[in-house]
């Protein structure tokens, strides 16, 4: 499993970066050719270890 994150200096910088990324046509192309179904993958490999 891999975790990663990006720290932005402010919310305004973050919002501007997200807007540029989502308006990039390469993002749409990448989303159409995903090698897996992310909606199913999120729930696929977890099991409950502790219930309150």
PDB file of N, CA and C in Angstrom:
ATOM      1  N   UNK A   1       0.841  -1.156   0.000  1.00  0.00           N
ATOM      2  CA  UNK A   1       0.000   0.000   0.000  1.00  0.00           C
ATOM      3  C   UNK A   1       0.893   1.228   0.000  1.00  0.00           C
ATOM      4  N   UNK A   2       0.481   2.237  -0.715  1.00  0.00           N
ATOM      5  CA  UNK A   2       1.256   3.467  -0.822  1.00  0.00           C
ATOM      6  C   UNK A   2       0.376   4.644  -0.438  1.00  0.00           C
ATOM      7  N   UNK A   3       0.882   5.500   0.425  1.00  0.00           N
ATOM      8  CA  UNK A   3       0.207   6.730   0.786  1.00  0.00           C
ATOM      9  C   UNK A   3       1.051   7.896   0.304  1.00  0.00           C
ATOM     10  N   UNK A   4       0.391   8.931  -0.168  1.00  0.00           N
ATOM     11  CA  UNK A   4       1.119  10.143  -0.539  1.00  0.00           C
ATOM     12  C   UNK A   4       0.208  11.341  -0.319  1.00  0.00           C
ATOM     13  N   UNK A   5       0.804  12.516  -0.187  1.00  0.00           N
ATOM     14  CA  UNK A   5       0.011  13.715  -0.015  1.00  0.00           C
ATOM     15  C   UNK A   5       0.803  14.914  -0.487  1.00  0.00           C
ATOM     16  N   UNK A   6       0.094  15.989  -0.724  1.00  0.00           N
ATOM     17  CA  UNK A   6       0.698  17.245  -1.154  1.00  0.00           C
ATOM     18  C   UNK A   6       0.294  18.311  -0.154  1.00  0.00           C
ATOM     19  N   UNK A   7       1.242  19.118   0.267  1.00  0.00           N
ATOM     20  CA  UNK A   7       0.948  20.241   1.147  1.00  0.00           C
ATOM     21  C   UNK A   7       1.022  21.522   0.338  1.00  0.00           C
ATOM     22  N   UNK A   8      -0.056  22.296   0.394  1.00  0.00           N
ATOM     23  CA  UNK A   8      -0.115  23.572  -0.310  1.00  0.00           C
ATOM     24  C   UNK A   8       0.048  24.702   0.699  1.00  0.00           C
ATOM     25  N   UNK A   9       0.605  25.828   0.273  1.00  0.00           N
ATOM     26  CA  UNK A   9       0.798  26.944   1.204  1.00  0.00           C
ATOM     27  C   UNK A   9      -0.518  27.602   1.641  1.00  0.00           C
ATOM     28  N   UNK A  10      -1.576  27.438   0.832  1.00  0.00           N
ATOM     29  CA  UNK A  10      -2.861  28.027   1.209  1.00  0.00           C
ATOM     30  C   UNK A  10      -3.988  27.312   0.470  1.00  0.00           C
ATOM     31  N   UNK A  11      -5.192  27.535   0.916  1.00  0.00           N
ATOM     32  CA  UNK A  11      -6.367  26.943   0.270  1.00  0.00           C
ATOM     33  C   UNK A  11      -6.542  27.496  -1.148  1.00  0.00           C
ATOM     34  N   UNK A  12      -6.229  28.773  -1.337  1.00  0.00           N
ATOM     35  CA  UNK A  12      -6.366  29.388  -2.655  1.00  0.00           C
ATOM     36  C   UNK A  12      -5.425  28.728  -3.668  1.00  0.00           C
ATOM     37  N   UNK A  13      -4.196  28.469  -3.255  1.00  0.00           N
ATOM     38  CA  UNK A  13      -3.223  27.800  -4.132  1.00  0.00           C
ATOM     39  C   UNK A  13      -3.705  26.384  -4.449  1.00  0.00           C
ATOM     40  N   UNK A  14      -4.215  25.685  -3.442  1.00  0.00           N
ATOM     41  CA  UNK A  14      -4.743  24.332  -3.648  1.00  0.00           C
ATOM     42  C   UNK A  14      -5.900  24.333  -4.634  1.00  0.00           C
ATOM     43  N   UNK A  15      -6.839  25.254  -4.454  1.00  0.00           N
ATOM     44  CA  UNK A  15      -7.996  25.312  -5.336  1.00  0.00           C
ATOM     45  C   UNK A  15      -7.591  25.622  -6.777  1.00  0.00           C
ATOM     46  N   UNK A  16      -6.629  26.520  -6.955  1.00  0.00           N
ATOM     47  CA  UNK A  16      -6.157  26.857  -8.299  1.00  0.00           C
ATOM     48  C   UNK A  16      -5.473  25.652  -8.947  1.00  0.00           C
ATOM     49  N   UNK A  17      -4.674  24.918  -8.182  1.00  0.00           N
ATOM     50  CA  UNK A  17      -3.994  23.737  -8.728  1.00  0.00           C
ATOM     51  C   UNK A  17      -5.005  22.659  -9.110  1.00  0.00           C
ATOM     52  N   UNK A  18      -6.006  22.433  -8.260  1.00  0.00           N
ATOM     53  CA  UNK A  18      -7.036  21.429  -8.577  1.00  0.00           C
ATOM     54  C   UNK A  18      -7.818  21.817  -9.816  1.00  0.00           C
ATOM     55  N   UNK A  19      -8.131  23.086  -9.962  1.00  0.00           N
ATOM     56  CA  UNK A  19      -8.879  23.534 -11.138  1.00  0.00           C
ATOM     57  C   UNK A  19      -8.062  23.315 -12.418  1.00  0.00           C
ATOM     58  N   UNK A  20      -6.774  23.647 -12.377  1.00  0.00           N
ATOM     59  CA  UNK A  20      -5.917  23.428 -13.549  1.00  0.00           C
ATOM     60  C   UNK A  20      -5.819  21.943 -13.880  1.00  0.00           C
ATOM     61  N   UNK A  21      -5.673  21.115 -12.864  1.00  0.00           N
ATOM     62  CA  UNK A  21      -5.538  19.679 -13.096  1.00  0.00           C
ATOM     63  C   UNK A  21      -6.811  19.111 -13.718  1.00  0.00           C
ATOM     64  N   UNK A  22      -7.970  19.461 -13.173  1.00  0.00           N
ATOM     65  CA  UNK A  22      -9.216  18.890 -13.657  1.00  0.00           C
ATOM     66  C   UNK A  22      -9.608  19.423 -15.032  1.00  0.00           C
ATOM     67  N   UNK A  23      -9.098  20.584 -15.435  1.00  0.00           N
ATOM     68  CA  UNK A  23      -9.409  21.110 -16.765  1.00  0.00           C
ATOM     69  C   UNK A  23      -8.426  20.617 -17.827  1.00  0.00           C
ATOM     70  N   UNK A  24      -7.400  19.893 -17.429  1.00  0.00           N
ATOM     71  CA  UNK A  24      -6.410  19.352 -18.367  1.00  0.00           C
ATOM     72  C   UNK A  24      -7.023  18.175 -19.126  1.00  0.00           C
ATOM     73  N   UNK A  25      -7.052  18.212 -20.460  1.00  0.00           N
ATOM     74  CA  UNK A  25      -7.655  17.115 -21.238  1.00  0.00           C
ATOM     75  C   UNK A  25      -6.954  15.770 -21.020  1.00  0.00           C
ATOM     76  N   UNK A  26      -5.710  15.787 -20.600  1.00  0.00           N
ATOM     77  CA  UNK A  26      -5.010  14.525 -20.345  1.00  0.00           C
ATOM     78  C   UNK A  26      -5.621  13.772 -19.169  1.00  0.00           C
ATOM     79  N   UNK A  27      -6.203  14.495 -18.210  1.00  0.00           N
ATOM     80  CA  UNK A  27      -6.853  13.839 -17.076  1.00  0.00           C
ATOM     81  C   UNK A  27      -8.074  13.041 -17.533  1.00  0.00           C
ATOM     82  N   UNK A  28      -8.838  13.598 -18.476  1.00  0.00           N
ATOM     83  CA  UNK A  28     -10.009  12.891 -18.989  1.00  0.00           C
ATOM     84  C   UNK A  28      -9.575  11.623 -19.719  1.00  0.00           C
ATOM     85  N   UNK A  29      -8.535  11.729 -20.525  1.00  0.00           N
ATOM     86  CA  UNK A  29      -8.009  10.559 -21.247  1.00  0.00           C
ATOM     87  C   UNK A  29      -7.555   9.486 -20.264  1.00  0.00           C
ATOM     88  N   UNK A  30      -6.867   9.889 -19.226  1.00  0.00           N
ATOM     89  CA  UNK A  30      -6.368   8.928 -18.256  1.00  0.00           C
ATOM     90  C   UNK A  30      -7.525   8.237 -17.540  1.00  0.00           C
ATOM     91  N   UNK A  31      -8.583   8.978 -17.234  1.00  0.00           N
ATOM     92  CA  UNK A  31      -9.731   8.404 -16.561  1.00  0.00           C
ATOM     93  C   UNK A  31     -10.486   7.395 -17.398  1.00  0.00           C
ATOM     94  N   UNK A  32     -10.438   7.530 -18.713  1.00  0.00           N
ATOM     95  CA  UNK A  32     -11.137   6.597 -19.593  1.00  0.00           C
ATOM     96  C   UNK A  32     -10.399   5.272 -19.755  1.00  0.00           C
ATOM     97  N   UNK A  33      -9.114   5.257 -19.451  1.00  0.00           N
ATOM     98  CA  UNK A  33      -8.301   4.068 -19.685  1.00  0.00           C
ATOM     99  C   UNK A  33      -7.749   3.468 -18.395  1.00  0.00           C
ATOM    100  N   UNK A  34      -8.485   3.565 -17.314  1.00  0.00           N
ATOM    101  CA  UNK A  34      -7.998   3.023 -16.050  1.00  0.00           C
ATOM    102  C   UNK A  34      -7.981   1.496 -16.109  1.00  0.00           C
ATOM    103  N   UNK A  35      -6.931   0.875 -15.598  1.00  0.00           N
ATOM    104  CA  UNK A  35      -6.826  -0.586 -15.665  1.00  0.00           C
ATOM    105  C   UNK A  35      -7.656  -1.302 -14.599  1.00  0.00           C
ATOM    106  N   UNK A  36      -8.367  -0.561 -13.752  1.00  0.00           N
ATOM    107  CA  UNK A  36      -9.163  -1.174 -12.693  1.00  0.00           C
ATOM    108  C   UNK A  36     -10.365  -0.295 -12.408  1.00  0.00           C
ATOM    109  N   UNK A  37     -11.329  -0.845 -11.713  1.00  0.00           N
ATOM    110  CA  UNK A  37     -12.517  -0.105 -11.326  1.00  0.00           C
ATOM    111  C   UNK A  37     -12.309   0.408  -9.904  1.00  0.00           C
ATOM    112  N   UNK A  38     -12.017   1.688  -9.762  1.00  0.00           N
ATOM    113  CA  UNK A  38     -11.724   2.262  -8.458  1.00  0.00           C
ATOM    114  C   UNK A  38     -12.868   2.142  -7.466  1.00  0.00           C
ATOM    115  N   UNK A  39     -14.106   2.187  -7.944  1.00  0.00           N
ATOM    116  CA  UNK A  39     -15.251   2.079  -7.039  1.00  0.00           C
ATOM    117  C   UNK A  39     -15.270   0.718  -6.347  1.00  0.00           C
ATOM    118  N   UNK A  40     -14.906  -0.324  -7.057  1.00  0.00           N
ATOM    119  CA  UNK A  40     -14.869  -1.653  -6.449  1.00  0.00           C
ATOM    120  C   UNK A  40     -13.607  -1.856  -5.631  1.00  0.00           C
ATOM    121  N   UNK A  41     -12.508  -1.270  -6.072  1.00  0.00           N
ATOM    122  CA  UNK A  41     -11.240  -1.475  -5.394  1.00  0.00           C
ATOM    123  C   UNK A  41     -11.261  -0.905  -3.973  1.00  0.00           C
ATOM    124  N   UNK A  42     -11.980   0.183  -3.748  1.00  0.00           N
ATOM    125  CA  UNK A  42     -12.015   0.813  -2.431  1.00  0.00           C
ATOM    126  C   UNK A  42     -12.515  -0.161  -1.377  1.00  0.00           C
ATOM    127  N   UNK A  43     -13.484  -0.991  -1.723  1.00  0.00           N
ATOM    128  CA  UNK A  43     -14.085  -1.887  -0.740  1.00  0.00           C
ATOM    129  C   UNK A  43     -13.506  -3.301  -0.783  1.00  0.00           C
ATOM    130  N   UNK A  44     -12.658  -3.592  -1.736  1.00  0.00           N
ATOM    131  CA  UNK A  44     -12.235  -4.960  -1.982  1.00  0.00           C
ATOM    132  C   UNK A  44     -11.316  -5.595  -0.971  1.00  0.00           C
ATOM    133  N   UNK A  45     -10.384  -4.868  -0.387  1.00  0.00           N
ATOM    134  CA  UNK A  45      -9.361  -5.529   0.389  1.00  0.00           C
ATOM    135  C   UNK A  45      -9.351  -5.238   1.872  1.00  0.00           C
ATOM    136  N   UNK A  46     -10.462  -4.808   2.440  1.00  0.00           N
ATOM    137  CA  UNK A  46     -10.470  -4.462   3.843  1.00  0.00           C
ATOM    138  C   UNK A  46     -11.339  -5.431   4.636  1.00  0.00           C
ATOM    139  N   UNK A  47     -10.909  -5.695   5.836  1.00  0.00           N
ATOM    140  CA  UNK A  47     -11.729  -6.500   6.740  1.00  0.00           C
ATOM    141  C   UNK A  47     -11.750  -5.813   8.096  1.00  0.00           C
ATOM    142  N   UNK A  48     -12.831  -5.971   8.829  1.00  0.00           N
ATOM    143  CA  UNK A  48     -12.998  -5.296  10.110  1.00  0.00           C
ATOM    144  C   UNK A  48     -12.152  -6.016  11.163  1.00  0.00           C
ATOM    145  N   UNK A  49     -11.324  -5.241  11.870  1.00  0.00           N
ATOM    146  CA  UNK A  49     -10.495  -5.798  12.928  1.00  0.00           C
ATOM    147  C   UNK A  49     -11.076  -5.516  14.305  1.00  0.00           C
ATOM    148  N   UNK A  50     -11.808  -4.414  14.445  1.00  0.00           N
ATOM    149  CA  UNK A  50     -12.328  -4.012  15.734  1.00  0.00           C
ATOM    150  C   UNK A  50     -13.654  -3.308  15.537  1.00  0.00           C
ATOM    151  N   UNK A  51     -14.650  -3.734  16.268  1.00  0.00           N
ATOM    152  CA  UNK A  51     -15.948  -3.063  16.237  1.00  0.00           C
ATOM    153  C   UNK A  51     -16.237  -2.499  17.612  1.00  0.00           C
ATOM    154  N   UNK A  52     -16.757  -1.291  17.653  1.00  0.00           N
ATOM    155  CA  UNK A  52     -17.074  -0.662  18.945  1.00  0.00           C
ATOM    156  C   UNK A  52     -18.489  -0.941  19.342  1.00  0.00           C
TER     157      UNK A  52
END
